[in-house]
Amino acid sequence: MRRTIPSLSVFPCPVAQREWFTPVRSPPVSPPRDYHLNEAEAAALIEAQIQVIAAHWQELCDEAELSPVERKLFAGRQFLNNYALEGLEGHKAPQDAYGEARETLIASGDT
């Protein structure tokens, strides 16, 4: 037998019935933030972050005592996942750094 959930009007909210109560509405979507970087500077910053992740990956995994399986699960999923460079399709340097770093991270699980 399927149960239905009663409508919210069956469970009145005492606060909502007050005259002074105004429901909170989500603000409209804000425009993109300006980080005072041009596109090339942003791409260079992303490339540097990718290189730092790859350079310290092995050391951090060893310190965290991650097994090879855990390393592979983290690499390419939580770190440097497929969406990491979304929107940077026209920038070769971060794309190349990403490919090399991702291979390094995933290969670290083979040890």
Protein backbone atom coordinates (compact mmCIF):
# COMPACT_ATOMS: atom_id res chain seq x y z
CA MET A 1 0.00 0.00 0.00
CA ARG A 2 1.37 3.37 -0.98
CA ARG A 3 1.39 6.12 1.62
CA THR A 4 1.08 9.71 0.63
CA ILE A 5 2.68 12.58 2.42
CA PRO A 6 0.15 15.15 3.57
CA SER A 7 0.54 18.65 2.22
CA LEU A 8 2.38 21.19 4.30
CA SER A 9 -0.84 23.03 5.01
CA VAL A 10 -1.78 20.17 7.32
CA PHE A 11 1.27 21.02 9.42
CA PRO A 12 1.09 24.78 9.81
CA CYS A 13 4.24 26.58 10.82
CA PRO A 14 3.51 28.96 13.69
CA VAL A 15 6.27 31.33 12.60
CA ALA A 16 4.93 31.54 9.04
CA GLN A 17 1.56 32.61 10.38
CA ARG A 18 3.00 35.71 12.03
CA GLU A 19 2.34 38.99 10.27
CA TRP A 20 5.99 40.03 10.41
CA PHE A 21 7.27 36.80 8.85
CA THR A 22 8.69 37.16 5.37
CA PRO A 23 9.95 33.97 3.74
CA VAL A 24 13.59 34.04 2.70
CA ARG A 25 14.08 33.77 -1.01
CA SER A 26 17.28 32.76 -2.73
CA PRO A 27 19.13 35.72 -4.19
CA PRO A 28 19.35 35.87 -7.96
CA VAL A 29 22.39 34.28 -9.53
CA SER A 30 25.24 36.71 -9.21
CA PRO A 31 27.48 37.61 -12.13
CA PRO A 32 30.92 36.00 -12.29
CA ARG A 33 33.39 37.39 -9.79
CA ASP A 34 36.33 39.45 -10.92
CA TYR A 35 39.56 38.06 -9.51
CA HIS A 36 41.68 40.70 -11.27
CA LEU A 37 43.27 38.06 -13.49
CA ASN A 38 43.17 37.92 -17.21
CA GLU A 39 42.58 34.58 -18.89
CA ALA A 40 46.29 33.88 -19.47
CA GLU A 41 47.17 34.64 -15.83
CA ALA A 42 44.36 32.38 -14.61
CA ALA A 43 45.53 29.56 -16.91
CA ALA A 44 49.12 29.95 -15.63
CA LEU A 45 47.92 29.83 -12.03
CA ILE A 46 45.92 26.66 -12.70
CA GLU A 47 48.93 25.09 -14.44
CA ALA A 48 51.12 25.86 -11.41
CA GLN A 49 48.56 24.34 -9.03
CA ILE A 50 48.43 21.17 -11.13
CA GLN A 51 52.22 20.90 -11.07
CA VAL A 52 52.34 21.34 -7.27
CA ILE A 53 49.73 18.59 -6.79
CA ALA A 54 51.76 16.21 -8.96
CA ALA A 55 55.08 17.13 -7.34
CA HIS A 56 53.86 16.41 -3.80
CA TRP A 57 51.38 13.61 -4.47
CA GLN A 58 53.65 10.69 -3.58
CA GLU A 59 54.92 12.35 -0.40
CA LEU A 60 51.41 13.17 0.81
CA CYS A 61 50.09 9.69 0.04
CA ASP A 62 52.99 8.16 1.96
CA GLU A 63 52.37 10.48 4.91
CA ALA A 64 48.66 9.60 4.91
CA GLU A 65 49.58 5.91 4.62
CA LEU A 66 47.26 5.40 1.66
CA SER A 67 47.22 1.98 0.07
CA PRO A 68 47.83 1.68 -3.70
CA VAL A 69 44.09 1.17 -4.20
CA GLU A 70 43.25 4.30 -2.20
CA ARG A 71 45.82 6.31 -4.17
CA LYS A 72 44.22 5.27 -7.44
CA LEU A 73 40.76 6.05 -6.13
CA PHE A 74 41.78 9.55 -5.07
CA ALA A 75 43.83 10.24 -8.21
CA GLY A 76 41.60 11.35 -11.00
CA ARG A 77 38.49 11.48 -8.86
CA GLN A 78 38.99 13.81 -5.92
CA PHE A 79 42.20 15.28 -7.34
CA LEU A 80 42.53 16.23 -10.99
CA ASN A 81 39.17 14.83 -12.02
CA ASN A 82 37.83 15.10 -15.56
CA TYR A 83 36.16 18.43 -14.84
CA ALA A 84 39.26 20.16 -13.46
CA LEU A 85 39.90 22.07 -16.68
CA GLU A 86 36.35 22.72 -17.76
CA GLY A 87 36.32 25.98 -19.69
CA LEU A 88 40.04 25.94 -20.50
CA GLU A 89 39.80 24.02 -23.75
CA GLY A 90 41.83 26.64 -25.65
CA HIS A 91 44.81 26.63 -23.27
CA LYS A 92 47.45 24.07 -24.19
CA ALA A 93 49.86 24.50 -21.25
CA PRO A 94 47.35 23.65 -18.49
CA GLN A 95 45.96 20.82 -20.62
CA ASP A 96 49.44 19.31 -21.05
CA ALA A 97 50.30 19.77 -17.37
CA TYR A 98 46.98 18.18 -16.43
CA GLY A 99 47.59 15.12 -18.62
CA GLU A 100 51.10 14.56 -17.25
CA ALA A 101 50.07 15.16 -13.63
CA ARG A 102 47.05 12.87 -13.86
CA GLU A 103 49.20 10.06 -15.26
CA THR A 104 51.69 10.61 -12.40
CA LEU A 105 48.96 10.47 -9.77
CA ILE A 106 47.34 7.35 -11.18
CA ALA A 107 50.72 5.62 -11.70
CA SER A 108 51.59 6.22 -8.03
CA GLY A 109 49.00 3.59 -7.13
CA ASP A 110 51.00 0.95 -9.05
CA THR A 111 53.85 0.90 -6.53
